[in-house]
Amino acid sequence: MEIGRPVRTRIRNLSQNYFKNMKKTLSTAFFSLCLFYGMTALSPADVPVKHTSFKPGEIWTDNNGVHINAHGGGILYDKGTYYWYGEHKVEGDAGNRAQVGVHCYSSKDLYNWKDEGIALKVVEGDNSHPIAKGCILERPKVVYNKKTKKYVMWFHLELKGKGYGSAYAGVATATKPTGPFTFLRAGRVNPGKWPLNLDKKDQTTEFTKEMPDYVRIIRRDYPGGQMSRDMTIFVDDNGKAYHIYSSEGNITLHIAELTPDYTGHNGKYVRAFVNRYMEAPAICKHKGKYYMIASGCSGWAPNAARSAVADRIAGPWKELKNPCVGPKAGITFGGQSTYILPVQGKPGKFIFMADIWRPKNAIDGRYLWLPMKWEGDQIKLEWKDEWTLEDL
């Protein structure tokens, strides 16, 4: 049966409108998909921020757009590259114990950091191992030994399940700055050795509970070795390396010389700041003198920073004033010292590195870097919301 012209015209118009509307719908859908995937591709997590300044206390992202995870850290400069080592934290209170290990990042300019992965991993499946998952592993510092061509990492270690009762120093080595580091040993420091600056009459293991702690503890710990908690490592101009750590229940700092290969102690050490309850030591050498920044003992809560100067690393050390000035100077701007970084290419210029601890959610800890200035022997740290290397 032949369809009449009016009907054919009507069918043709309906078909044209259908395909026209379909084309419009598909075009809109395609545009929406492009917009969605375009926005996804340009999200902050996928396009790292190019940092051109330091912003103390703010989120500091790495090359993957993730907040840097290297707390209580220290920095090694090696062959044109800076390497930042620190405690890898996880979320919540569990992050206050070592669940992963020591994280490493690298940088050419100190602003932008590349994630190099875990340099020293904790041991899983063996709770008896000194660095078993769940131990406390803090303040890792790495130095390079020119004689052995090894990278040597030292850290404060507390055995799993022992709280802060172990007070060990741990050491590991690697053939590359990024690791992997191989754990060597951990334990108390310099067993059977007296400090070089301890009076002969006090070199006895006899003690009573009634004695002041600064007299009693060093005698008590003489046979098995001295306690080692918050710490740093310093290599002097002559190549000698020193382990500086809180000892005697955090009452006194010890400054101990390392062996030529940097993997042990040679038995020579001194006491400094006796009965001053100092921790978080950081040290540098400036114009021939040694300078130290440390903190008092108040747990995770910040307190006023301390500073000191000496003509020799073994002392005597002269304690100076709180180096911080301005608002929140009485609590080190909310942070605690961890390292003093000499800036390459800028002789006599240093960066003060500190941590803002967040123990309830450890992974959210922040970094507080500030330029160091001097007024005579007194270090001066002034808060800056934002600054660059040109401000040194």
Protein backbone atom coordinates (compact mmCIF):
# COMPACT_ATOMS: atom_id res chain seq x y z
CA MET A 1 0.00 0.00 0.00
CA GLU A 2 1.40 3.36 -0.95
CA ILE A 3 1.79 5.90 1.84
CA GLY A 4 0.48 9.31 1.09
CA ARG A 5 2.82 12.30 0.74
CA PRO A 6 1.68 14.07 3.96
CA VAL A 7 2.41 10.92 5.97
CA ARG A 8 5.85 10.41 4.36
CA THR A 9 6.74 14.02 5.09
CA ARG A 10 5.70 13.62 8.70
CA ILE A 11 7.78 10.46 9.17
CA ARG A 12 10.82 12.14 7.59
CA ASN A 13 10.53 15.14 9.95
CA LEU A 14 10.23 12.88 13.00
CA SER A 15 13.36 10.97 11.97
CA GLN A 16 15.36 14.14 11.41
CA ASN A 17 14.32 15.55 14.82
CA TYR A 18 15.19 12.23 16.55
CA PHE A 19 18.72 12.09 15.13
CA LYS A 20 19.22 15.79 15.74
CA ASN A 21 18.27 15.43 19.43
CA MET A 22 20.38 12.26 19.76
CA LYS A 23 23.41 14.07 18.32
CA LYS A 24 22.92 16.92 20.81
CA THR A 25 22.57 14.48 23.72
CA LEU A 26 25.73 12.58 22.74
CA SER A 27 27.67 15.82 22.32
CA THR A 28 26.63 16.98 25.80
CA ALA A 29 27.56 13.61 27.32
CA PHE A 30 30.95 13.62 25.58
CA PHE A 31 31.67 17.16 26.79
CA SER A 32 30.72 16.18 30.36
CA LEU A 33 33.00 13.16 30.28
CA CYS A 34 35.89 15.25 28.95
CA LEU A 35 35.30 17.86 31.66
CA PHE A 36 35.18 15.19 34.40
CA TYR A 37 38.34 13.39 33.33
CA GLY A 38 40.08 16.68 32.65
CA MET A 39 39.35 17.87 36.16
CA THR A 40 40.44 14.51 37.59
CA ALA A 41 43.72 14.65 35.70
CA LEU A 42 44.41 18.11 37.06
CA SER A 43 43.54 17.34 40.69
CA PRO A 44 46.14 18.43 43.33
CA ALA A 45 46.96 14.82 44.19
CA ASP A 46 48.16 14.17 40.64
CA VAL A 47 49.85 17.48 39.87
CA PRO A 48 52.44 18.23 42.57
CA VAL A 49 52.84 21.79 43.74
CA LYS A 50 56.15 23.40 42.75
CA HIS A 51 57.40 24.88 46.02
CA THR A 52 59.41 28.10 45.92
CA SER A 53 59.49 28.93 49.63
CA PHE A 54 59.28 27.48 53.15
CA LYS A 55 55.97 27.79 55.04
CA PRO A 56 56.59 26.61 58.62
CA GLY A 57 53.84 24.49 60.13
CA GLU A 58 51.87 24.01 56.91
CA ILE A 59 51.33 20.85 54.88
CA TRP A 60 54.51 20.21 52.85
CA THR A 61 53.90 17.98 49.84
CA ASP A 62 56.40 15.75 48.02
CA ASN A 63 56.62 14.95 44.30
CA ASN A 64 53.51 12.78 44.61
CA GLY A 65 51.44 15.52 46.21
CA VAL A 66 51.55 13.76 49.60
CA HIS A 67 52.57 15.38 52.89
CA ILE A 68 56.24 14.57 53.61
CA ASN A 69 56.53 11.75 56.16
CA ALA A 70 59.97 12.16 57.77
CA HIS A 71 59.53 13.22 61.38
CA GLY A 72 62.31 13.78 63.92
CA GLY A 73 64.59 13.87 60.93
CA GLY A 74 68.05 14.84 59.82
CA ILE A 75 69.61 15.70 56.47
CA LEU A 76 72.65 14.42 54.60
CA TYR A 77 74.18 16.33 51.69
CA ASP A 78 75.87 13.95 49.26
CA LYS A 79 77.15 14.56 45.72
CA GLY A 80 74.92 17.54 44.98
CA THR A 81 71.76 16.15 46.57
CA TYR A 82 70.13 16.60 49.96
CA TYR A 83 68.65 13.48 51.61
CA TRP A 84 66.05 13.87 54.34
CA TYR A 85 65.60 10.88 56.70
CA GLY A 86 62.85 10.71 59.29
CA GLU A 87 60.35 8.59 61.15
CA HIS A 88 57.54 7.30 58.93
CA LYS A 89 54.30 7.89 60.84
CA VAL A 90 50.85 6.36 60.40
CA GLU A 91 47.46 7.63 61.54
CA GLY A 92 46.40 7.80 65.16
CA ASP A 93 48.28 6.88 68.31
CA ALA A 94 49.82 3.84 66.55
CA GLY A 95 51.96 6.30 64.60
CA ASN A 96 53.98 7.00 67.74
CA ARG A 97 55.50 3.54 67.30
CA ALA A 98 57.43 2.31 64.27
CA GLN A 99 54.98 0.55 61.95
CA VAL A 100 57.00 1.04 58.74
CA GLY A 101 60.52 2.36 59.33
CA VAL A 102 62.69 5.30 58.28
CA HIS A 103 61.52 7.26 55.24
CA CYS A 104 63.93 8.96 52.81
CA TYR A 105 63.40 11.91 50.46
CA SER A 106 65.82 13.68 48.10
CA SER A 107 66.04 17.28 46.90
CA LYS A 108 68.25 19.58 44.88
CA ASP A 109 66.82 22.86 46.20
CA LEU A 110 65.48 22.09 49.74
CA TYR A 111 61.97 23.21 48.71
CA ASN A 112 60.89 20.26 46.55
CA TRP A 113 61.34 16.68 47.74
CA LYS A 114 61.19 13.37 45.90
CA ASP A 115 59.94 10.30 47.74
CA GLU A 116 62.76 7.73 47.73
CA GLY A 117 60.86 5.15 49.78
CA ILE A 118 61.68 3.40 53.04
CA ALA A 119 65.43 3.41 53.70
CA LEU A 120 65.29 1.20 56.81
CA LYS A 121 62.33 -1.15 57.24
CA VAL A 122 61.14 -2.52 60.56
CA VAL A 123 61.11 -6.31 60.90
CA GLU A 124 57.73 -8.04 60.65
CA GLY A 125 56.93 -11.48 62.04
CA ASP A 126 59.65 -11.51 64.72
CA ASN A 127 58.69 -9.61 67.86
CA SER A 128 62.04 -10.43 69.47
CA HIS A 129 64.01 -8.48 66.87
CA PRO A 130 65.36 -5.12 68.13
CA ILE A 131 63.59 -3.22 65.34
CA ALA A 132 60.45 -5.32 65.31
CA LYS A 133 57.32 -3.64 63.98
CA GLY A 134 55.83 -1.73 66.89
CA CYS A 135 59.13 -0.73 68.49
CA ILE A 136 59.91 2.95 69.09
CA LEU A 137 62.44 4.19 66.54
CA GLU A 138 63.14 7.91 66.72
CA ARG A 139 65.34 10.72 65.37
CA PRO A 140 67.30 8.86 62.65
CA LYS A 141 70.46 10.64 61.45
CA VAL A 142 72.68 9.56 58.53
CA VAL A 143 76.33 10.42 57.86
CA TYR A 144 78.76 9.28 55.16
CA ASN A 145 82.04 7.58 56.06
CA LYS A 146 84.72 8.45 53.47
CA LYS A 147 87.02 5.60 54.53
CA THR A 148 84.49 2.77 54.31
CA LYS A 149 82.32 4.47 51.68
CA LYS A 150 79.29 3.48 53.75
CA TYR A 151 76.27 5.50 54.78
CA VAL A 152 75.75 5.11 58.52
CA MET A 153 72.41 5.65 60.24
CA TRP A 154 72.03 6.10 64.00
CA PHE A 155 68.71 6.29 65.84
CA HIS A 156 67.11 6.16 69.28
CA LEU A 157 65.53 2.75 69.85
CA GLU A 158 63.11 1.39 72.43
CA LEU A 159 62.36 -2.33 72.25
CA LYS A 160 58.80 -3.35 71.44
CA GLY A 161 56.55 -3.46 74.48
CA LYS A 162 59.14 -1.94 76.82
CA GLY A 163 57.93 1.66 76.76
CA TYR A 164 60.92 3.97 77.13
CA GLY A 165 62.84 1.60 79.40
CA SER A 166 65.45 0.30 76.94
CA ALA A 167 67.08 3.63 76.03
CA TYR A 168 69.17 2.08 73.23
CA ALA A 169 71.17 3.55 70.38
CA GLY A 170 70.74 1.65 67.10
CA VAL A 171 72.96 1.65 64.02
CA ALA A 172 72.54 0.52 60.40
CA THR A 173 74.58 0.90 57.21
CA ALA A 174 74.03 1.09 53.45
CA THR A 175 76.05 1.44 50.26
CA LYS A 176 73.62 4.01 48.78
CA PRO A 177 72.11 7.07 50.48
CA THR A 178 68.58 5.86 49.74
CA GLY A 179 69.29 2.42 51.22
CA PRO A 180 68.29 -0.21 51.83
CA PHE A 181 70.01 0.08 55.22
CA THR A 182 71.04 -3.09 57.02
CA PHE A 183 70.54 -3.13 60.78
CA LEU A 184 73.78 -3.88 62.65
CA ARG A 185 73.10 -3.70 66.38
CA ALA A 186 71.50 -1.74 69.22
CA GLY A 187 72.24 -1.30 72.88
CA ARG A 188 73.35 0.98 75.69
CA VAL A 189 76.39 3.20 75.14
CA ASN A 190 79.99 2.79 76.38
CA PRO A 191 79.57 0.01 78.99
CA GLY A 192 82.36 -0.07 81.56
CA LYS A 193 83.57 3.43 80.66
CA TRP A 194 83.51 6.61 82.75
CA PRO A 195 83.08 10.09 81.26
CA LEU A 196 86.37 11.87 80.65
CA ASN A 197 85.20 14.84 82.72
CA LEU A 198 83.91 12.86 85.73
CA ASP A 199 85.98 13.44 88.86
CA LYS A 200 88.04 10.38 89.91
CA LYS A 201 86.43 10.31 93.35
CA ASP A 202 83.02 9.87 91.68
CA GLN A 203 84.11 6.95 89.52
CA THR A 204 82.54 4.24 91.61
CA THR A 205 79.59 1.91 91.15
CA GLU A 206 78.51 2.34 94.78
CA PHE A 207 75.22 4.16 95.10
CA THR A 208 72.13 4.43 97.27
CA LYS A 209 68.54 5.28 96.43
CA GLU A 210 68.87 8.43 98.49
CA MET A 211 71.53 9.89 96.18
CA PRO A 212 70.48 12.58 93.66
CA ASP A 213 69.70 11.05 90.26
CA TYR A 214 72.57 12.89 88.57
CA VAL A 215 74.96 11.08 90.92
CA ARG A 216 73.22 7.71 91.19
CA ILE A 217 72.19 6.82 87.61
CA ILE A 218 75.61 7.06 85.95
CA ARG A 219 77.01 4.74 88.62
CA ARG A 220 74.11 2.32 88.30
CA ASP A 221 74.44 2.12 84.50
CA TYR A 222 78.24 1.91 84.34
CA PRO A 223 78.46 -1.90 83.93
CA GLY A 224 75.81 -2.27 81.20
CA GLY A 225 76.20 1.06 79.42
CA GLN A 226 74.63 4.49 79.59
CA MET A 227 71.10 5.34 78.45
CA SER A 228 70.62 6.94 75.03
CA ARG A 229 67.39 8.64 73.99
CA ASP A 230 66.92 11.86 71.95
CA MET A 231 70.02 12.17 69.79
CA THR A 232 71.88 13.61 66.84
CA ILE A 233 75.14 12.85 64.99
CA PHE A 234 77.77 15.45 64.16
CA VAL A 235 80.84 15.06 61.92
CA ASP A 236 83.59 17.59 62.62
CA ASP A 237 85.95 19.18 60.10
CA ASN A 238 88.65 16.61 60.94
CA GLY A 239 86.33 13.70 60.08
CA LYS A 240 85.68 12.64 63.66
CA ALA A 241 82.04 11.86 64.37
CA TYR A 242 80.14 12.34 67.61
CA HIS A 243 76.93 10.93 69.03
CA ILE A 244 75.13 13.53 71.18
CA TYR A 245 72.27 12.10 73.23
CA SER A 246 70.07 12.52 76.30
CA SER A 247 71.23 10.17 79.02
CA GLU A 248 70.84 9.32 82.71
CA GLY A 249 67.04 9.42 82.51
CA ASN A 250 67.24 12.62 80.39
CA ILE A 251 68.96 14.42 83.26
CA THR A 252 72.25 15.00 81.42
CA LEU A 253 73.51 15.10 77.83
CA HIS A 254 76.44 12.93 76.75
CA ILE A 255 78.77 13.69 73.85
CA ALA A 256 80.45 10.46 72.72
CA GLU A 257 83.10 9.99 70.04
CA LEU A 258 82.43 7.31 67.42
CA THR A 259 84.89 4.79 66.02
CA PRO A 260 86.65 5.66 62.71
CA ASP A 261 84.01 3.71 60.75
CA TYR A 262 81.20 5.56 62.60
CA THR A 263 79.43 2.30 63.56
CA GLY A 264 80.40 2.15 67.24
CA HIS A 265 81.69 4.12 70.23
CA ASN A 266 85.37 4.29 71.15
CA GLY A 267 84.83 4.73 74.90
CA LYS A 268 85.56 8.47 75.00
CA TYR A 269 82.69 10.65 76.12
CA VAL A 270 81.82 13.63 78.32
CA ARG A 271 78.81 14.79 80.30
CA ALA A 272 77.30 18.17 79.46
CA PHE A 273 74.54 20.22 81.10
CA VAL A 274 74.50 17.98 84.18
CA ASN A 275 71.10 17.87 85.89
CA ARG A 276 69.58 20.30 83.33
CA TYR A 277 67.04 17.84 81.84
CA MET A 278 67.73 18.56 78.18
CA GLU A 279 66.64 16.63 75.10
CA ALA A 280 66.24 17.06 71.32
CA PRO A 281 69.87 18.20 70.77
CA ALA A 282 70.89 19.79 67.46
CA ILE A 283 74.42 21.04 66.80
CA CYS A 284 76.46 23.02 64.28
CA LYS A 285 79.88 24.63 63.89
CA HIS A 286 79.98 28.33 63.06
CA LYS A 287 83.10 30.50 62.82
CA GLY A 288 85.16 27.94 64.70
CA LYS A 289 82.73 27.54 67.61
CA TYR A 290 80.20 24.83 68.40
CA TYR A 291 76.56 25.77 68.92
CA MET A 292 73.72 23.69 70.27
CA ILE A 293 69.96 24.09 70.37
CA ALA A 294 67.96 21.73 72.58
CA SER A 295 64.73 21.62 74.56
CA GLY A 296 63.58 20.96 78.08
CA CYS A 297 61.71 17.78 79.00
CA SER A 298 57.91 18.09 78.74
CA GLY A 299 56.84 15.02 76.79
CA TRP A 300 55.12 15.80 73.50
CA ALA A 301 54.24 19.33 74.63
CA PRO A 302 56.51 22.14 73.37
CA ASN A 303 58.64 24.19 75.74
CA ALA A 304 61.22 26.99 75.53
CA ALA A 305 64.26 26.18 73.40
CA ARG A 306 67.73 26.37 74.92
CA SER A 307 71.00 27.37 73.28
CA ALA A 308 74.67 26.98 74.18
CA VAL A 309 78.17 27.59 72.82
CA ALA A 310 81.60 25.96 73.28
CA ASP A 311 85.09 26.38 71.89
CA ARG A 312 85.53 22.59 71.85
CA ILE A 313 82.88 19.98 71.21
CA ALA A 314 83.80 18.30 74.50
CA GLY A 315 83.15 21.57 76.28
CA PRO A 316 82.96 23.25 78.62
CA TRP A 317 79.62 24.43 77.25
CA LYS A 318 78.17 27.82 78.17
CA GLU A 319 74.40 27.92 78.25
CA LEU A 320 72.87 30.97 76.59
CA LYS A 321 69.30 32.30 76.32
CA ASN A 322 66.22 30.98 74.56
CA PRO A 323 67.09 31.63 70.89
CA CYS A 324 63.46 32.21 69.90
CA VAL A 325 62.05 35.74 69.81
CA GLY A 326 58.54 37.01 69.23
CA PRO A 327 55.09 35.45 69.71
CA LYS A 328 55.13 31.86 71.04
CA ALA A 329 58.88 32.10 71.66
CA GLY A 330 58.28 30.47 75.06
CA ILE A 331 57.17 27.24 73.35
CA THR A 332 59.57 27.31 70.36
CA PHE A 333 56.65 28.39 68.14
CA GLY A 334 54.98 25.07 68.96
CA GLY A 335 57.92 22.90 67.86
CA GLN A 336 60.91 20.96 69.16
CA SER A 337 64.42 20.95 67.69
CA THR A 338 65.62 18.02 65.58
CA TYR A 339 68.53 19.21 63.37
CA ILE A 340 70.62 22.18 62.26
CA LEU A 341 71.19 22.13 58.51
CA PRO A 342 74.23 23.80 56.89
CA VAL A 343 73.13 25.19 53.51
CA GLN A 344 75.46 24.27 50.66
CA GLY A 345 76.80 27.16 48.62
CA LYS A 346 76.06 29.60 51.45
CA PRO A 347 78.98 29.41 53.90
CA GLY A 348 77.97 30.22 57.48
CA LYS A 349 74.25 29.91 56.69
CA PHE A 350 72.10 27.41 58.61
CA ILE A 351 68.48 26.30 58.85
CA PHE A 352 66.91 25.37 62.19
CA MET A 353 64.74 22.27 61.79
CA ALA A 354 62.03 21.37 64.29
CA ASP A 355 58.95 19.18 64.55
CA ILE A 356 55.44 20.14 65.56
CA TRP A 357 54.27 16.89 67.13
CA ARG A 358 50.67 15.67 66.83
CA PRO A 359 50.70 12.53 69.05
CA LYS A 360 46.94 11.93 68.80
CA ASN A 361 47.31 11.64 65.02
CA ALA A 362 51.04 11.20 64.48
CA ILE A 363 50.98 11.34 60.67
CA ASP A 364 49.69 14.93 60.88
CA GLY A 365 52.92 16.19 62.49
CA ARG A 366 54.31 19.31 60.80
CA TYR A 367 57.76 20.73 60.07
CA LEU A 368 59.08 24.01 61.33
CA TRP A 369 62.12 25.31 59.43
CA LEU A 370 63.48 28.77 60.19
CA PRO A 371 66.60 30.76 59.19
CA MET A 372 69.27 31.02 61.87
CA LYS A 373 70.87 34.36 62.72
CA TRP A 374 73.55 35.32 65.24
CA GLU A 375 74.00 38.32 67.49
CA GLY A 376 77.48 37.72 68.89
CA ASP A 377 77.35 34.19 70.28
CA GLN A 378 73.58 34.23 70.71
CA ILE A 379 71.54 32.34 68.12
CA LYS A 380 68.39 34.16 67.06
CA LEU A 381 65.30 32.42 65.69
CA GLU A 382 62.46 34.62 64.53
CA TRP A 383 59.10 33.34 63.31
CA LYS A 384 58.28 33.74 59.62
CA ASP A 385 55.02 32.69 57.95
CA GLU A 386 56.95 32.26 54.70
CA TRP A 387 60.58 32.65 53.71
CA THR A 388 63.19 31.65 51.13
CA LEU A 389 66.90 30.85 51.08
CA GLU A 390 67.51 34.49 50.17
CA ASP A 391 66.45 35.37 53.73
CA LEU A 392 69.43 33.53 55.24
